[in-house]
Every structure is written in C-alpha cells, then in structure tokens.
Amino acid sequence: MGYFNCFALGFFVALSLASIDVGVAARYLQQLPPIPTLPTTTLPPFPSIPNLPQPSIPSFPRPGALPPLPAMPALPTLPSVPRATLPPLPSMPSIPTIPTTIPSIPFFSPPPSPSP
C-alpha cells in the first residue's frame, strides 16, 4: 500500500513539472508585441465560362404508335372443392365452485384437572 502512495506522489510531481513549461510558453506568447499586418494583394477576376452549344435530343416514337400487346388467353376455371363441415363441439362440464369461507377449527375442552 505504501508503494502505491509513493508511486502516486511521484506521478503527481512529474505531471506538475511537465506543465510548468506550458505556463511559461503561454506567458511568453502574451508578452510578445503585436504582429504587424501584412500587405494584401488583390487577385485577378476569374475568367467567364463560355456558353457551350446544347446537344439536341433525338425524338423517340410515341407509345401510342407501338403495336398493341397480344391479348392474354383465358385461364381455365378450377372445379369447386367441397367444403368440409366440422361436427359441433361437445358441451364443457361446469367447473365446481371453490368455497370461499374457511371452516372453523373445533376446539376440544381441556382434560379435567386432578383433584388433590
């Protein structure tokens, strides 16, 4: 257990010493004089895109000009299947009722005590 406490303390100290450099660097950046502005250059305008000729789309025949589709032959009729009738279900016997009252427990009289 003592070894773990020593290891944790050493890790904490190493982490603290490593973060000192970050604080010093941040302080140094804050104390620098402002950076002078650089001259800006203007870019030439983009050339305009020339208008290209549009291709012509060939015309296709209209759907009304196509020959009609052949007629479907009539499907043969299926013979009617006889329906099966199920016999009526038997009547269920009635479920006996469960008594809701608790019968009383009989108490016997105590035996007679012996006389002295």
PDB file of N, CA and C in Angstrom:
ATOM      1  N   MET A   1       0.827  -1.186   0.000  1.00  0.00           N
ATOM      2  CA  MET A   1       0.000   0.000   0.000  1.00  0.00           C
ATOM      3  C   MET A   1       0.877   1.257   0.000  1.00  0.00           C
ATOM      4  N   GLY A   2       1.983   1.187   0.763  1.00  0.00           N
ATOM      5  CA  GLY A   2       2.891   2.321   0.820  1.00  0.00           C
ATOM      6  C   GLY A   2       3.567   2.568  -0.515  1.00  0.00           C
ATOM      7  N   TYR A   3       3.838   1.500  -1.261  1.00  0.00           N
ATOM      8  CA  TYR A   3       4.463   1.633  -2.569  1.00  0.00           C
ATOM      9  C   TYR A   3       3.542   2.401  -3.513  1.00  0.00           C
ATOM     10  N   PHE A   4       2.232   2.130  -3.447  1.00  0.00           N
ATOM     11  CA  PHE A   4       1.288   2.820  -4.325  1.00  0.00           C
ATOM     12  C   PHE A   4       1.246   4.308  -4.012  1.00  0.00           C
ATOM     13  N   ASN A   5       1.282   4.684  -2.720  1.00  0.00           N
ATOM     14  CA  ASN A   5       1.260   6.108  -2.351  1.00  0.00           C
ATOM     15  C   ASN A   5       2.504   6.812  -2.870  1.00  0.00           C
ATOM     16  N   CYS A   6       3.662   6.159  -2.804  1.00  0.00           N
ATOM     17  CA  CYS A   6       4.902   6.744  -3.285  1.00  0.00           C
ATOM     18  C   CYS A   6       4.866   6.897  -4.806  1.00  0.00           C
ATOM     19  N   PHE A   7       4.319   5.897  -5.475  1.00  0.00           N
ATOM     20  CA  PHE A   7       4.207   5.961  -6.932  1.00  0.00           C
ATOM     21  C   PHE A   7       3.256   7.088  -7.348  1.00  0.00           C
ATOM     22  N   ALA A   8       2.128   7.230  -6.650  1.00  0.00           N
ATOM     23  CA  ALA A   8       1.165   8.276  -6.977  1.00  0.00           C
ATOM     24  C   ALA A   8       1.769   9.653  -6.746  1.00  0.00           C
ATOM     25  N   LEU A   9       2.546   9.820  -5.665  1.00  0.00           N
ATOM     26  CA  LEU A   9       3.177  11.109  -5.383  1.00  0.00           C
ATOM     27  C   LEU A   9       4.204  11.447  -6.468  1.00  0.00           C
ATOM     28  N   GLY A  10       4.996  10.457  -6.870  1.00  0.00           N
ATOM     29  CA  GLY A  10       5.978  10.693  -7.922  1.00  0.00           C
ATOM     30  C   GLY A  10       5.324  11.054  -9.245  1.00  0.00           C
ATOM     31  N   PHE A  11       4.210  10.391  -9.571  1.00  0.00           N
ATOM     32  CA  PHE A  11       3.485  10.700 -10.799  1.00  0.00           C
ATOM     33  C   PHE A  11       2.931  12.119 -10.759  1.00  0.00           C
ATOM     34  N   PHE A  12       2.409  12.537  -9.621  1.00  0.00           N
ATOM     35  CA  PHE A  12       1.845  13.880  -9.472  1.00  0.00           C
ATOM     36  C   PHE A  12       2.940  14.939  -9.626  1.00  0.00           C
ATOM     37  N   VAL A  13       4.113  14.695  -9.030  1.00  0.00           N
ATOM     38  CA  VAL A  13       5.218  15.653  -9.129  1.00  0.00           C
ATOM     39  C   VAL A  13       5.708  15.746 -10.584  1.00  0.00           C
ATOM     40  N   ALA A  14       5.834  14.612 -11.264  1.00  0.00           N
ATOM     41  CA  ALA A  14       6.284  14.629 -12.660  1.00  0.00           C
ATOM     42  C   ALA A  14       5.290  15.371 -13.544  1.00  0.00           C
ATOM     43  N   LEU A  15       4.013  15.176 -13.293  1.00  0.00           N
ATOM     44  CA  LEU A  15       2.992  15.869 -14.080  1.00  0.00           C
ATOM     45  C   LEU A  15       3.025  17.371 -13.814  1.00  0.00           C
ATOM     46  N   SER A  16       3.265  17.771 -12.576  1.00  0.00           N
ATOM     47  CA  SER A  16       3.332  19.196 -12.244  1.00  0.00           C
ATOM     48  C   SER A  16       4.528  19.857 -12.916  1.00  0.00           C
ATOM     49  N   LEU A  17       5.686  19.176 -12.885  1.00  0.00           N
ATOM     50  CA  LEU A  17       6.871  19.760 -13.502  1.00  0.00           C
ATOM     51  C   LEU A  17       6.742  19.843 -15.018  1.00  0.00           C
ATOM     52  N   ALA A  18       6.024  18.903 -15.612  1.00  0.00           N
ATOM     53  CA  ALA A  18       5.856  18.934 -17.067  1.00  0.00           C
ATOM     54  C   ALA A  18       4.941  20.073 -17.486  1.00  0.00           C
ATOM     55  N   SER A  19       4.000  20.467 -16.630  1.00  0.00           N
ATOM     56  CA  SER A  19       3.056  21.511 -17.023  1.00  0.00           C
ATOM     57  C   SER A  19       3.614  22.906 -16.794  1.00  0.00           C
ATOM     58  N   ILE A  20       4.771  23.042 -16.119  1.00  0.00           N
ATOM     59  CA  ILE A  20       5.361  24.370 -15.895  1.00  0.00           C
ATOM     60  C   ILE A  20       5.770  24.981 -17.225  1.00  0.00           C
ATOM     61  N   ASP A  21       6.324  24.182 -18.128  1.00  0.00           N
ATOM     62  CA  ASP A  21       6.774  24.698 -19.431  1.00  0.00           C
ATOM     63  C   ASP A  21       5.596  25.255 -20.229  1.00  0.00           C
ATOM     64  N   VAL A  22       4.437  24.652 -20.092  1.00  0.00           N
ATOM     65  CA  VAL A  22       3.267  25.131 -20.832  1.00  0.00           C
ATOM     66  C   VAL A  22       2.867  26.511 -20.327  1.00  0.00           C
ATOM     67  N   GLY A  23       2.892  26.693 -19.017  1.00  0.00           N
ATOM     68  CA  GLY A  23       2.549  28.002 -18.453  1.00  0.00           C
ATOM     69  C   GLY A  23       3.537  29.078 -18.858  1.00  0.00           C
ATOM     70  N   VAL A  24       4.831  28.747 -18.890  1.00  0.00           N
ATOM     71  CA  VAL A  24       5.854  29.720 -19.275  1.00  0.00           C
ATOM     72  C   VAL A  24       5.693  30.090 -20.743  1.00  0.00           C
ATOM     73  N   ALA A  25       5.394  29.123 -21.592  1.00  0.00           N
ATOM     74  CA  ALA A  25       5.228  29.407 -23.016  1.00  0.00           C
ATOM     75  C   ALA A  25       4.012  30.284 -23.252  1.00  0.00           C
ATOM     76  N   ALA A  26       2.936  30.049 -22.516  1.00  0.00           N
ATOM     77  CA  ALA A  26       1.743  30.882 -22.678  1.00  0.00           C
ATOM     78  C   ALA A  26       2.021  32.311 -22.232  1.00  0.00           C
ATOM     79  N   ARG A  27       2.767  32.455 -21.142  1.00  0.00           N
ATOM     80  CA  ARG A  27       3.095  33.793 -20.649  1.00  0.00           C
ATOM     81  C   ARG A  27       3.960  34.532 -21.673  1.00  0.00           C
ATOM     82  N   TYR A  28       4.894  33.812 -22.292  1.00  0.00           N
ATOM     83  CA  TYR A  28       5.781  34.413 -23.283  1.00  0.00           C
ATOM     84  C   TYR A  28       4.984  34.895 -24.494  1.00  0.00           C
ATOM     85  N   LEU A  29       4.015  34.091 -24.949  1.00  0.00           N
ATOM     86  CA  LEU A  29       3.209  34.488 -26.105  1.00  0.00           C
ATOM     87  C   LEU A  29       2.355  35.704 -25.802  1.00  0.00           C
ATOM     88  N   GLN A  30       1.910  35.850 -24.548  1.00  0.00           N
ATOM     89  CA  GLN A  30       1.089  37.004 -24.194  1.00  0.00           C
ATOM     90  C   GLN A  30       1.911  38.286 -24.164  1.00  0.00           C
ATOM     91  N   GLN A  31       3.220  38.189 -23.875  1.00  0.00           N
ATOM     92  CA  GLN A  31       4.048  39.377 -23.745  1.00  0.00           C
ATOM     93  C   GLN A  31       4.693  39.808 -25.055  1.00  0.00           C
ATOM     94  N   LEU A  32       4.477  39.092 -26.150  1.00  0.00           N
ATOM     95  CA  LEU A  32       5.042  39.482 -27.441  1.00  0.00           C
ATOM     96  C   LEU A  32       4.349  40.735 -27.960  1.00  0.00           C
ATOM     97  N   PRO A  33       5.082  41.568 -28.711  1.00  0.00           N
ATOM     98  CA  PRO A  33       4.418  42.747 -29.307  1.00  0.00           C
ATOM     99  C   PRO A  33       3.451  42.288 -30.391  1.00  0.00           C
ATOM    100  N   PRO A  34       2.466  43.109 -30.736  1.00  0.00           N
ATOM    101  CA  PRO A  34       1.509  42.690 -31.763  1.00  0.00           C
ATOM    102  C   PRO A  34       2.196  42.491 -33.110  1.00  0.00           C
ATOM    103  N   ILE A  35       1.700  41.550 -33.868  1.00  0.00           N
ATOM    104  CA  ILE A  35       2.275  41.223 -35.172  1.00  0.00           C
ATOM    105  C   ILE A  35       1.831  42.279 -36.180  1.00  0.00           C
ATOM    106  N   PRO A  36       2.783  42.815 -36.965  1.00  0.00           N
ATOM    107  CA  PRO A  36       2.370  43.826 -37.964  1.00  0.00           C
ATOM    108  C   PRO A  36       1.523  43.161 -39.042  1.00  0.00           C
ATOM    109  N   THR A  37       0.608  43.944 -39.585  1.00  0.00           N
ATOM    110  CA  THR A  37      -0.264  43.412 -40.633  1.00  0.00           C
ATOM    111  C   THR A  37       0.501  43.340 -41.949  1.00  0.00           C
ATOM    112  N   LEU A  38       0.299  42.292 -42.678  1.00  0.00           N
ATOM    113  CA  LEU A  38       0.968  42.096 -43.959  1.00  0.00           C
ATOM    114  C   LEU A  38       0.142  42.753 -45.056  1.00  0.00           C
ATOM    115  N   PRO A  39       0.796  43.256 -46.086  1.00  0.00           N
ATOM    116  CA  PRO A  39       0.024  43.857 -47.180  1.00  0.00           C
ATOM    117  C   PRO A  39      -0.755  42.770 -47.922  1.00  0.00           C
ATOM    118  N   THR A  40      -1.944  43.110 -48.296  1.00  0.00           N
ATOM    119  CA  THR A  40      -2.775  42.149 -49.015  1.00  0.00           C
ATOM    120  C   THR A  40      -2.683  42.414 -50.506  1.00  0.00           C
ATOM    121  N   THR A  41      -2.816  41.374 -51.265  1.00  0.00           N
ATOM    122  CA  THR A  41      -2.792  41.507 -52.715  1.00  0.00           C
ATOM    123  C   THR A  41      -4.188  41.220 -53.244  1.00  0.00           C
ATOM    124  N   THR A  42      -4.509  41.850 -54.347  1.00  0.00           N
ATOM    125  CA  THR A  42      -5.809  41.603 -54.966  1.00  0.00           C
ATOM    126  C   THR A  42      -5.635  40.544 -56.037  1.00  0.00           C
ATOM    127  N   LEU A  43      -6.544  39.633 -56.075  1.00  0.00           N
ATOM    128  CA  LEU A  43      -6.485  38.556 -57.054  1.00  0.00           C
ATOM    129  C   LEU A  43      -7.188  38.982 -58.334  1.00  0.00           C
ATOM    130  N   PRO A  44      -6.721  38.518 -59.466  1.00  0.00           N
ATOM    131  CA  PRO A  44      -7.420  38.870 -60.713  1.00  0.00           C
ATOM    132  C   PRO A  44      -8.768  38.150 -60.750  1.00  0.00           C
ATOM    133  N   PRO A  45      -9.741  38.718 -61.456  1.00  0.00           N
ATOM    134  CA  PRO A  45     -11.052  38.069 -61.513  1.00  0.00           C
ATOM    135  C   PRO A  45     -10.984  36.772 -62.317  1.00  0.00           C
ATOM    136  N   PHE A  46     -11.884  35.868 -61.997  1.00  0.00           N
ATOM    137  CA  PHE A  46     -11.951  34.599 -62.707  1.00  0.00           C
ATOM    138  C   PHE A  46     -12.435  34.835 -64.139  1.00  0.00           C
ATOM    139  N   PRO A  47     -11.911  34.079 -65.087  1.00  0.00           N
ATOM    140  CA  PRO A  47     -12.414  34.235 -66.458  1.00  0.00           C
ATOM    141  C   PRO A  47     -13.844  33.695 -66.539  1.00  0.00           C
ATOM    142  N   SER A  48     -14.614  34.296 -67.435  1.00  0.00           N
ATOM    143  CA  SER A  48     -16.002  33.850 -67.571  1.00  0.00           C
ATOM    144  C   SER A  48     -16.048  32.543 -68.355  1.00  0.00           C
ATOM    145  N   ILE A  49     -17.018  31.709 -68.022  1.00  0.00           N
ATOM    146  CA  ILE A  49     -17.166  30.422 -68.692  1.00  0.00           C
ATOM    147  C   ILE A  49     -17.946  30.647 -69.985  1.00  0.00           C
ATOM    148  N   PRO A  50     -17.401  30.198 -71.115  1.00  0.00           N
ATOM    149  CA  PRO A  50     -18.122  30.424 -72.383  1.00  0.00           C
ATOM    150  C   PRO A  50     -19.370  29.541 -72.446  1.00  0.00           C
ATOM    151  N   ASN A  51     -20.387  30.009 -73.158  1.00  0.00           N
ATOM    152  CA  ASN A  51     -21.608  29.235 -73.345  1.00  0.00           C
ATOM    153  C   ASN A  51     -21.353  28.158 -74.390  1.00  0.00           C
ATOM    154  N   LEU A  52     -21.530  26.914 -73.980  1.00  0.00           N
ATOM    155  CA  LEU A  52     -21.315  25.803 -74.892  1.00  0.00           C
ATOM    156  C   LEU A  52     -22.606  25.478 -75.623  1.00  0.00           C
ATOM    157  N   PRO A  53     -22.523  24.970 -76.834  1.00  0.00           N
ATOM    158  CA  PRO A  53     -23.764  24.622 -77.553  1.00  0.00           C
ATOM    159  C   PRO A  53     -24.433  23.432 -76.869  1.00  0.00           C
ATOM    160  N   GLN A  54     -25.775  23.474 -76.820  1.00  0.00           N
ATOM    161  CA  GLN A  54     -26.536  22.406 -76.205  1.00  0.00           C
ATOM    162  C   GLN A  54     -26.776  21.299 -77.224  1.00  0.00           C
ATOM    163  N   PRO A  55     -26.556  20.032 -76.835  1.00  0.00           N
ATOM    164  CA  PRO A  55     -26.804  18.944 -77.792  1.00  0.00           C
ATOM    165  C   PRO A  55     -28.301  18.760 -77.993  1.00  0.00           C
ATOM    166  N   SER A  56     -28.658  18.339 -79.180  1.00  0.00           N
ATOM    167  CA  SER A  56     -30.076  18.111 -79.475  1.00  0.00           C
ATOM    168  C   SER A  56     -30.420  16.666 -79.127  1.00  0.00           C
ATOM    169  N   ILE A  57     -31.578  16.480 -78.527  1.00  0.00           N
ATOM    170  CA  ILE A  57     -32.014  15.149 -78.123  1.00  0.00           C
ATOM    171  C   ILE A  57     -32.867  14.573 -79.242  1.00  0.00           C
ATOM    172  N   PRO A  58     -32.537  13.356 -79.704  1.00  0.00           N
ATOM    173  CA  PRO A  58     -33.346  12.781 -80.792  1.00  0.00           C
ATOM    174  C   PRO A  58     -34.740  12.428 -80.278  1.00  0.00           C
ATOM    175  N   SER A  59     -35.714  12.500 -81.183  1.00  0.00           N
ATOM    176  CA  SER A  59     -37.085  12.182 -80.772  1.00  0.00           C
ATOM    177  C   SER A  59     -37.323  10.688 -80.939  1.00  0.00           C
ATOM    178  N   PHE A  60     -38.004  10.110 -79.944  1.00  0.00           N
ATOM    179  CA  PHE A  60     -38.331   8.688 -79.959  1.00  0.00           C
ATOM    180  C   PHE A  60     -39.786   8.511 -80.356  1.00  0.00           C
ATOM    181  N   PRO A  61     -40.158   7.329 -80.865  1.00  0.00           N
ATOM    182  CA  PRO A  61     -41.567   7.127 -81.234  1.00  0.00           C
ATOM    183  C   PRO A  61     -42.450   7.181 -79.984  1.00  0.00           C
ATOM    184  N   ARG A  62     -43.647   7.668 -80.163  1.00  0.00           N
ATOM    185  CA  ARG A  62     -44.600   7.786 -79.055  1.00  0.00           C
ATOM    186  C   ARG A  62     -45.145   6.415 -78.686  1.00  0.00           C
ATOM    187  N   PRO A  63     -45.570   6.214 -77.412  1.00  0.00           N
ATOM    188  CA  PRO A  63     -46.110   4.919 -77.011  1.00  0.00           C
ATOM    189  C   PRO A  63     -47.385   4.552 -77.759  1.00  0.00           C
ATOM    190  N   GLY A  64     -48.173   5.525 -78.198  1.00  0.00           N
ATOM    191  CA  GLY A  64     -49.397   5.215 -78.934  1.00  0.00           C
ATOM    192  C   GLY A  64     -49.103   4.634 -80.306  1.00  0.00           C
ATOM    193  N   ALA A  65     -47.931   4.856 -80.837  1.00  0.00           N
ATOM    194  CA  ALA A  65     -47.597   4.381 -82.173  1.00  0.00           C
ATOM    195  C   ALA A  65     -47.142   2.923 -82.150  1.00  0.00           C
ATOM    196  N   LEU A  66     -46.901   2.362 -80.979  1.00  0.00           N
ATOM    197  CA  LEU A  66     -46.463   0.976 -80.914  1.00  0.00           C
ATOM    198  C   LEU A  66     -47.630   0.039 -81.162  1.00  0.00           C
ATOM    199  N   PRO A  67     -47.381  -1.161 -81.669  1.00  0.00           N
ATOM    200  CA  PRO A  67     -48.493  -2.099 -81.873  1.00  0.00           C
ATOM    201  C   PRO A  67     -49.045  -2.549 -80.517  1.00  0.00           C
ATOM    202  N   PRO A  68     -50.339  -2.896 -80.481  1.00  0.00           N
ATOM    203  CA  PRO A  68     -50.909  -3.311 -79.200  1.00  0.00           C
ATOM    204  C   PRO A  68     -50.353  -4.657 -78.762  1.00  0.00           C
ATOM    205  N   LEU A  69     -50.369  -4.877 -77.474  1.00  0.00           N
ATOM    206  CA  LEU A  69     -49.885  -6.136 -76.923  1.00  0.00           C
ATOM    207  C   LEU A  69     -50.894  -7.246 -77.208  1.00  0.00           C
ATOM    208  N   PRO A  70     -50.423  -8.477 -77.367  1.00  0.00           N
ATOM    209  CA  PRO A  70     -51.387  -9.566 -77.609  1.00  0.00           C
ATOM    210  C   PRO A  70     -52.254  -9.793 -76.380  1.00  0.00           C
ATOM    211  N   ALA A  71     -53.489 -10.262 -76.635  1.00  0.00           N
ATOM    212  CA  ALA A  71     -54.420 -10.498 -75.533  1.00  0.00           C
ATOM    213  C   ALA A  71     -54.030 -11.765 -74.794  1.00  0.00           C
ATOM    214  N   MET A  72     -54.250 -11.757 -73.490  1.00  0.00           N
ATOM    215  CA  MET A  72     -53.936 -12.925 -72.666  1.00  0.00           C
ATOM    216  C   MET A  72     -55.019 -13.977 -72.874  1.00  0.00           C
ATOM    217  N   PRO A  73     -54.631 -15.240 -73.000  1.00  0.00           N
ATOM    218  CA  PRO A  73     -55.667 -16.271 -73.123  1.00  0.00           C
ATOM    219  C   PRO A  73     -56.392 -16.418 -71.785  1.00  0.00           C
ATOM    220  N   ALA A  74     -57.630 -16.857 -71.848  1.00  0.00           N
ATOM    221  CA  ALA A  74     -58.424 -17.013 -70.632  1.00  0.00           C
ATOM    222  C   ALA A  74     -57.876 -18.184 -69.829  1.00  0.00           C
ATOM    223  N   LEU A  75     -57.822 -18.026 -68.527  1.00  0.00           N
ATOM    224  CA  LEU A  75     -57.340 -19.085 -67.657  1.00  0.00           C
ATOM    225  C   LEU A  75     -58.434 -20.128 -67.475  1.00  0.00           C
ATOM    226  N   PRO A  76     -58.064 -21.401 -67.381  1.00  0.00           N
ATOM    227  CA  PRO A  76     -59.102 -22.418 -67.161  1.00  0.00           C
ATOM    228  C   PRO A  76     -59.696 -22.264 -65.759  1.00  0.00           C
ATOM    229  N   THR A  77     -60.956 -22.590 -65.630  1.00  0.00           N
ATOM    230  CA  THR A  77     -61.611 -22.473 -64.326  1.00  0.00           C
ATOM    231  C   THR A  77     -61.328 -23.725 -63.515  1.00  0.00           C
ATOM    232  N   LEU A  78     -61.131 -23.529 -62.235  1.00  0.00           N
ATOM    233  CA  LEU A  78     -60.868 -24.647 -61.343  1.00  0.00           C
ATOM    234  C   LEU A  78     -62.193 -25.232 -60.863  1.00  0.00           C
ATOM    235  N   PRO A  79     -62.269 -26.547 -60.711  1.00  0.00           N
ATOM    236  CA  PRO A  79     -63.515 -27.113 -60.193  1.00  0.00           C
ATOM    237  C   PRO A  79     -63.698 -26.716 -58.731  1.00  0.00           C
ATOM    238  N   SER A  80     -64.944 -26.627 -58.317  1.00  0.00           N
ATOM    239  CA  SER A  80     -65.210 -26.229 -56.936  1.00  0.00           C
ATOM    240  C   SER A  80     -64.895 -27.396 -56.001  1.00  0.00           C
ATOM    241  N   VAL A  81     -64.291 -27.083 -54.895  1.00  0.00           N
ATOM    242  CA  VAL A  81     -63.890 -28.088 -53.914  1.00  0.00           C
ATOM    243  C   VAL A  81     -64.995 -28.178 -52.866  1.00  0.00           C
ATOM    244  N   PRO A  82     -65.428 -29.396 -52.501  1.00  0.00           N
ATOM    245  CA  PRO A  82     -66.467 -29.496 -51.469  1.00  0.00           C
ATOM    246  C   PRO A  82     -65.917 -29.016 -50.126  1.00  0.00           C
ATOM    247  N   ARG A  83     -66.780 -28.347 -49.400  1.00  0.00           N
ATOM    248  CA  ARG A  83     -66.402 -27.819 -48.094  1.00  0.00           C
ATOM    249  C   ARG A  83     -66.614 -28.889 -47.034  1.00  0.00           C
ATOM    250  N   ALA A  84     -65.666 -28.997 -46.129  1.00  0.00           N
ATOM    251  CA  ALA A  84     -65.817 -29.946 -45.028  1.00  0.00           C
ATOM    252  C   ALA A  84     -66.521 -29.237 -43.877  1.00  0.00           C
ATOM    253  N   THR A  85     -67.482 -29.913 -43.278  1.00  0.00           N
ATOM    254  CA  THR A  85     -68.185 -29.329 -42.127  1.00  0.00           C
ATOM    255  C   THR A  85     -67.721 -30.064 -40.884  1.00  0.00           C
ATOM    256  N   LEU A  86     -67.434 -29.316 -39.867  1.00  0.00           N
ATOM    257  CA  LEU A  86     -66.966 -29.898 -38.617  1.00  0.00           C
ATOM    258  C   LEU A  86     -68.159 -30.232 -37.728  1.00  0.00           C
ATOM    259  N   PRO A  87     -68.074 -31.329 -36.952  1.00  0.00           N
ATOM    260  CA  PRO A  87     -69.171 -31.636 -36.030  1.00  0.00           C
ATOM    261  C   PRO A  87     -69.188 -30.601 -34.914  1.00  0.00           C
ATOM    262  N   PRO A  88     -70.352 -30.415 -34.282  1.00  0.00           N
ATOM    263  CA  PRO A  88     -70.399 -29.424 -33.204  1.00  0.00           C
ATOM    264  C   PRO A  88     -69.541 -29.873 -32.017  1.00  0.00           C
ATOM    265  N   LEU A  89     -68.988 -28.923 -31.325  1.00  0.00           N
ATOM    266  CA  LEU A  89     -68.149 -29.225 -30.171  1.00  0.00           C
ATOM    267  C   LEU A  89     -69.012 -29.712 -29.009  1.00  0.00           C
ATOM    268  N   PRO A  90     -68.516 -30.676 -28.223  1.00  0.00           N
ATOM    269  CA  PRO A  90     -69.301 -31.128 -27.077  1.00  0.00           C
ATOM    270  C   PRO A  90     -69.350 -30.029 -26.023  1.00  0.00           C
ATOM    271  N   SER A  91     -70.389 -30.053 -25.245  1.00  0.00           N
ATOM    272  CA  SER A  91     -70.518 -29.027 -24.207  1.00  0.00           C
ATOM    273  C   SER A  91     -69.539 -29.331 -23.082  1.00  0.00           C
ATOM    274  N   MET A  92     -68.960 -28.290 -22.542  1.00  0.00           N
ATOM    275  CA  MET A  92     -67.977 -28.449 -21.481  1.00  0.00           C
ATOM    276  C   MET A  92     -68.685 -28.651 -20.150  1.00  0.00           C
ATOM    277  N   PRO A  93     -68.170 -29.528 -19.305  1.00  0.00           N
ATOM    278  CA  PRO A  93     -68.800 -29.684 -17.994  1.00  0.00           C
ATOM    279  C   PRO A  93     -68.567 -28.437 -17.160  1.00  0.00           C
ATOM    280  N   SER A  94     -69.461 -28.188 -16.260  1.00  0.00           N
ATOM    281  CA  SER A  94     -69.336 -26.988 -15.435  1.00  0.00           C
ATOM    282  C   SER A  94     -68.214 -27.195 -14.420  1.00  0.00           C
ATOM    283  N   ILE A  95     -67.491 -26.126 -14.133  1.00  0.00           N
ATOM    284  CA  ILE A  95     -66.375 -26.181 -13.191  1.00  0.00           C
ATOM    285  C   ILE A  95     -66.952 -26.030 -11.787  1.00  0.00           C
ATOM    286  N   PRO A  96     -66.557 -26.921 -10.856  1.00  0.00           N
ATOM    287  CA  PRO A  96     -67.099 -26.792  -9.496  1.00  0.00           C
ATOM    288  C   PRO A  96     -66.597 -25.507  -8.855  1.00  0.00           C
ATOM    289  N   THR A  97     -67.414 -24.952  -8.015  1.00  0.00           N
ATOM    290  CA  THR A  97     -67.045 -23.694  -7.359  1.00  0.00           C
ATOM    291  C   THR A  97     -66.176 -24.000  -6.146  1.00  0.00           C
ATOM    292  N   ILE A  98     -65.267 -23.089  -5.881  1.00  0.00           N
ATOM    293  CA  ILE A  98     -64.362 -23.232  -4.744  1.00  0.00           C
ATOM    294  C   ILE A  98     -64.993 -22.488  -3.575  1.00  0.00           C
ATOM    295  N   PRO A  99     -65.101 -23.162  -2.403  1.00  0.00           N
ATOM    296  CA  PRO A  99     -65.702 -22.459  -1.258  1.00  0.00           C
ATOM    297  C   PRO A  99     -64.805 -21.296  -0.832  1.00  0.00           C
ATOM    298  N   THR A 100     -65.431 -20.208  -0.494  1.00  0.00           N
ATOM    299  CA  THR A 100     -64.683 -19.015  -0.104  1.00  0.00           C
ATOM    300  C   THR A 100     -64.621 -18.855   1.405  1.00  0.00           C
ATOM    301  N   THR A 101     -65.384 -19.613   2.175  1.00  0.00           N
ATOM    302  CA  THR A 101     -65.352 -19.491   3.641  1.00  0.00           C
ATOM    303  C   THR A 101     -64.408 -20.536   4.204  1.00  0.00           C
ATOM    304  N   ILE A 102     -63.722 -20.160   5.264  1.00  0.00           N
ATOM    305  CA  ILE A 102     -62.789 -21.084   5.915  1.00  0.00           C
ATOM    306  C   ILE A 102     -63.555 -21.773   7.048  1.00  0.00           C
ATOM    307  N   PRO A 103     -63.525 -23.093   7.053  1.00  0.00           N
ATOM    308  CA  PRO A 103     -64.253 -23.769   8.136  1.00  0.00           C
ATOM    309  C   PRO A 103     -63.569 -23.515   9.476  1.00  0.00           C
ATOM    310  N   SER A 104     -64.371 -23.511  10.513  1.00  0.00           N
ATOM    311  CA  SER A 104     -63.803 -23.262  11.841  1.00  0.00           C
ATOM    312  C   SER A 104     -63.154 -24.531  12.363  1.00  0.00           C
ATOM    313  N   ILE A 105     -62.077 -24.341  13.121  1.00  0.00           N
ATOM    314  CA  ILE A 105     -61.351 -25.481  13.699  1.00  0.00           C
ATOM    315  C   ILE A 105     -62.012 -25.821  15.038  1.00  0.00           C
ATOM    316  N   PRO A 106     -62.387 -27.086  15.240  1.00  0.00           N
ATOM    317  CA  PRO A 106     -63.033 -27.420  16.524  1.00  0.00           C
ATOM    318  C   PRO A 106     -62.006 -27.439  17.654  1.00  0.00           C
ATOM    319  N   PHE A 107     -62.369 -26.866  18.756  1.00  0.00           N
ATOM    320  CA  PHE A 107     -61.519 -26.893  19.944  1.00  0.00           C
ATOM    321  C   PHE A 107     -62.138 -27.852  20.944  1.00  0.00           C
ATOM    322  N   PHE A 108     -61.299 -28.703  21.455  1.00  0.00           N
ATOM    323  CA  PHE A 108     -61.777 -29.651  22.457  1.00  0.00           C
ATOM    324  C   PHE A 108     -61.612 -29.034  23.842  1.00  0.00           C
ATOM    325  N   SER A 109     -62.459 -29.463  24.744  1.00  0.00           N
ATOM    326  CA  SER A 109     -62.340 -28.942  26.114  1.00  0.00           C
ATOM    327  C   SER A 109     -61.119 -29.561  26.763  1.00  0.00           C
ATOM    328  N   PRO A 110     -60.444 -28.809  27.662  1.00  0.00           N
ATOM    329  CA  PRO A 110     -59.266 -29.339  28.284  1.00  0.00           C
ATOM    330  C   PRO A 110     -59.629 -30.505  29.229  1.00  0.00           C
ATOM    331  N   PRO A 111     -58.690 -31.388  29.433  1.00  0.00           N
ATOM    332  CA  PRO A 111     -58.989 -32.502  30.330  1.00  0.00           C
ATOM    333  C   PRO A 111     -59.233 -31.999  31.769  1.00  0.00           C
ATOM    334  N   PRO A 112     -59.992 -32.730  32.516  1.00  0.00           N
ATOM    335  CA  PRO A 112     -60.227 -32.272  33.893  1.00  0.00           C
ATOM    336  C   PRO A 112     -58.940 -32.333  34.718  1.00  0.00           C
ATOM    337  N   SER A 113     -58.796 -31.350  35.547  1.00  0.00           N
ATOM    338  CA  SER A 113     -57.581 -31.313  36.357  1.00  0.00           C
ATOM    339  C   SER A 113     -57.742 -32.321  37.538  1.00  0.00           C
ATOM    340  N   PRO A 114     -56.647 -32.948  37.947  1.00  0.00           N
ATOM    341  CA  PRO A 114     -56.754 -33.909  39.079  1.00  0.00           C
ATOM    342  C   PRO A 114     -57.014 -33.171  40.383  1.00  0.00           C
ATOM    343  N   SER A 115     -57.809 -33.730  41.209  1.00  0.00           N
ATOM    344  CA  SER A 115     -58.121 -33.076  42.480  1.00  0.00           C
ATOM    345  C   SER A 115     -57.105 -33.518  43.537  1.00  0.00           C
ATOM    346  N   PRO A 116     -56.719 -32.684  44.428  1.00  0.00           N
ATOM    347  CA  PRO A 116     -55.715 -33.055  45.447  1.00  0.00           C
ATOM    348  C   PRO A 116     -56.323 -33.702  46.654  1.00  0.00           C
TER     349      PRO A 116
END
